[in-house]
Amino acid sequence: MSTEHNRAVERRMVEEALNRGNLSVVDELLTQDFVYHGPNGEEARCSAGYKQFLNRLRTYYPDILITIENILAEGDLVATRAISVFTSKSSGPDPIVRKITLASSILDRFEGDKIEKHGKYTTGWTFFSS
């Protein structure tokens, strides 16, 4: 597939699955052998496992919004720099509410027209208490 196709798939994954919570697109965009490698050693296999991960993410951070800063593509690789903004609320009698900005890099490898491997690397955090 072309690098333009791969960039479009990457954008669609972020905009539809992550930002809107439309998980029906996940099966269309991932191979059957898909593997997700996240920060802190988190891993998900196949589209069903990745959808479970996305459900947990959107449950903990329902207001998450991911903005793509740059997408670079060459051959079967796509590198994306993204900024995520979400609210974090600690539990307990005096919960702390923070707006968090997270910069991250994503590296995807494509097999044909779908994403086969997805690695996310956190590059920086900013906390704003409210």
Protein backbone atom coordinates (compact mmCIF):
# COMPACT_ATOMS: atom_id res chain seq x y z
CA MET A 1 0.00 0.00 0.00
CA SER A 2 1.02 3.60 -0.45
CA THR A 3 2.37 5.80 2.30
CA GLU A 4 -0.66 8.07 1.81
CA HIS A 5 -2.98 5.13 2.49
CA ASN A 6 -1.01 4.26 5.63
CA ARG A 7 -1.19 7.87 6.87
CA ALA A 8 -4.95 7.88 6.29
CA VAL A 9 -5.35 4.63 8.28
CA GLU A 10 -3.32 6.14 11.14
CA ARG A 11 -5.49 9.28 11.18
CA ARG A 12 -8.66 7.23 11.08
CA MET A 13 -7.53 5.09 14.02
CA VAL A 14 -6.81 8.18 16.12
CA GLU A 15 -9.84 10.24 15.09
CA GLU A 16 -12.50 7.53 15.02
CA ALA A 17 -11.41 4.83 17.48
CA LEU A 18 -9.55 6.88 20.07
CA ASN A 19 -11.22 10.30 19.98
CA ARG A 20 -14.79 9.28 19.14
CA GLY A 21 -14.81 5.82 20.70
CA ASN A 22 -16.04 4.23 17.47
CA LEU A 23 -14.47 0.80 17.99
CA SER A 24 -16.19 -0.74 14.97
CA VAL A 25 -13.36 0.64 12.80
CA VAL A 26 -10.70 -1.31 14.73
CA ASP A 27 -11.44 -4.60 12.93
CA GLU A 28 -11.15 -2.81 9.58
CA LEU A 29 -7.77 -1.24 10.38
CA LEU A 30 -5.85 -4.03 12.16
CA THR A 31 -4.49 -7.36 10.94
CA GLN A 32 -5.55 -10.60 12.62
CA ASP A 33 -2.04 -10.90 14.11
CA PHE A 34 -2.03 -7.31 15.47
CA VAL A 35 0.10 -6.59 18.57
CA TYR A 36 0.02 -3.41 20.67
CA HIS A 37 3.05 -2.50 22.79
CA GLY A 38 2.29 0.37 25.14
CA PRO A 39 4.16 2.31 27.76
CA ASN A 40 4.78 0.49 31.04
CA GLY A 41 4.91 -2.87 29.27
CA GLU A 42 1.19 -3.04 28.46
CA GLU A 43 0.40 -5.36 25.58
CA ALA A 44 -2.72 -6.28 23.64
CA ARG A 45 -3.06 -8.91 20.94
CA CYS A 46 -5.60 -9.01 18.09
CA SER A 47 -8.33 -6.46 17.50
CA ALA A 48 -10.48 -7.79 20.36
CA GLY A 49 -7.66 -7.28 22.86
CA TYR A 50 -6.98 -3.79 21.53
CA LYS A 51 -10.67 -2.89 21.78
CA GLN A 52 -10.65 -4.00 25.43
CA PHE A 53 -7.65 -1.74 26.02
CA LEU A 54 -9.39 1.20 24.30
CA ASN A 55 -12.56 0.61 26.35
CA ARG A 56 -10.53 0.79 29.57
CA LEU A 57 -8.72 3.91 28.37
CA ARG A 58 -11.98 5.69 27.50
CA THR A 59 -13.57 4.55 30.79
CA TYR A 60 -10.74 6.06 32.85
CA TYR A 61 -10.39 9.16 30.66
CA PRO A 62 -13.72 9.80 28.89
CA ASP A 63 -12.66 13.29 27.81
CA ILE A 64 -9.43 12.17 26.11
CA LEU A 65 -8.60 14.09 22.96
CA ILE A 66 -5.60 13.16 20.85
CA THR A 67 -4.21 15.65 18.37
CA ILE A 68 -1.82 14.45 15.68
CA GLU A 69 1.14 16.82 15.37
CA ASN A 70 3.08 15.01 12.61
CA ILE A 71 2.87 11.81 10.61
CA LEU A 72 5.88 10.46 8.73
CA ALA A 73 5.56 7.39 6.53
CA GLU A 74 8.07 5.36 4.59
CA GLY A 75 7.46 1.89 3.20
CA ASP A 76 5.49 -0.14 5.75
CA LEU A 77 6.34 2.14 8.71
CA VAL A 78 4.38 5.11 10.04
CA ALA A 79 5.69 7.35 12.83
CA THR A 80 3.24 9.71 14.52
CA ARG A 81 3.81 12.42 17.10
CA ALA A 82 0.65 13.11 19.07
CA ILE A 83 -0.50 15.19 22.02
CA SER A 84 -3.16 13.74 24.34
CA VAL A 85 -5.17 15.92 26.71
CA PHE A 86 -7.39 14.37 29.38
CA THR A 87 -8.59 14.75 32.96
CA SER A 88 -7.29 12.52 35.74
CA LYS A 89 -9.11 12.24 39.07
CA SER A 90 -7.56 10.46 42.04
CA SER A 91 -9.73 8.42 44.36
CA GLY A 92 -10.11 8.99 48.07
CA PRO A 93 -11.82 11.45 50.42
CA ASP A 94 -10.11 14.49 48.86
CA PRO A 95 -9.74 13.65 45.18
CA ILE A 96 -7.27 15.64 43.11
CA VAL A 97 -8.43 16.60 39.64
CA ARG A 98 -5.74 17.33 37.08
CA LYS A 99 -5.77 18.21 33.43
CA ILE A 100 -2.94 16.25 31.84
CA THR A 101 -1.12 16.85 28.59
CA LEU A 102 0.90 13.90 27.31
CA ALA A 103 3.27 13.98 24.36
CA SER A 104 3.90 10.62 22.73
CA SER A 105 5.38 8.98 19.69
CA ILE A 106 3.69 6.09 17.93
CA LEU A 107 5.41 3.68 15.57
CA ASP A 108 3.20 1.42 13.46
CA ARG A 109 4.18 -1.29 11.04
CA PHE A 110 1.76 -2.18 8.27
CA GLU A 111 1.11 -5.54 6.67
CA GLY A 112 -0.67 -4.87 3.40
CA ASP A 113 -3.31 -2.22 4.04
CA LYS A 114 -3.67 -2.78 7.83
CA ILE A 115 -1.70 -2.06 10.98
CA GLU A 116 0.17 -5.15 12.22
CA LYS A 117 2.22 -3.74 15.10
CA HIS A 118 1.64 -0.61 17.20
CA GLY A 119 4.16 0.78 19.67
CA LYS A 120 3.47 3.85 21.80
CA TYR A 121 6.23 5.72 23.59
CA THR A 122 5.52 8.45 26.11
CA THR A 123 7.86 11.41 25.76
CA GLY A 124 6.57 13.94 28.28
CA TRP A 125 3.86 14.80 30.81
CA THR A 126 2.43 18.14 31.93
CA PHE A 127 0.01 18.33 34.87
CA PHE A 128 -2.39 21.16 35.59
CA SER A 129 -4.34 20.92 38.84
CA SER A 130 -7.80 22.37 38.85
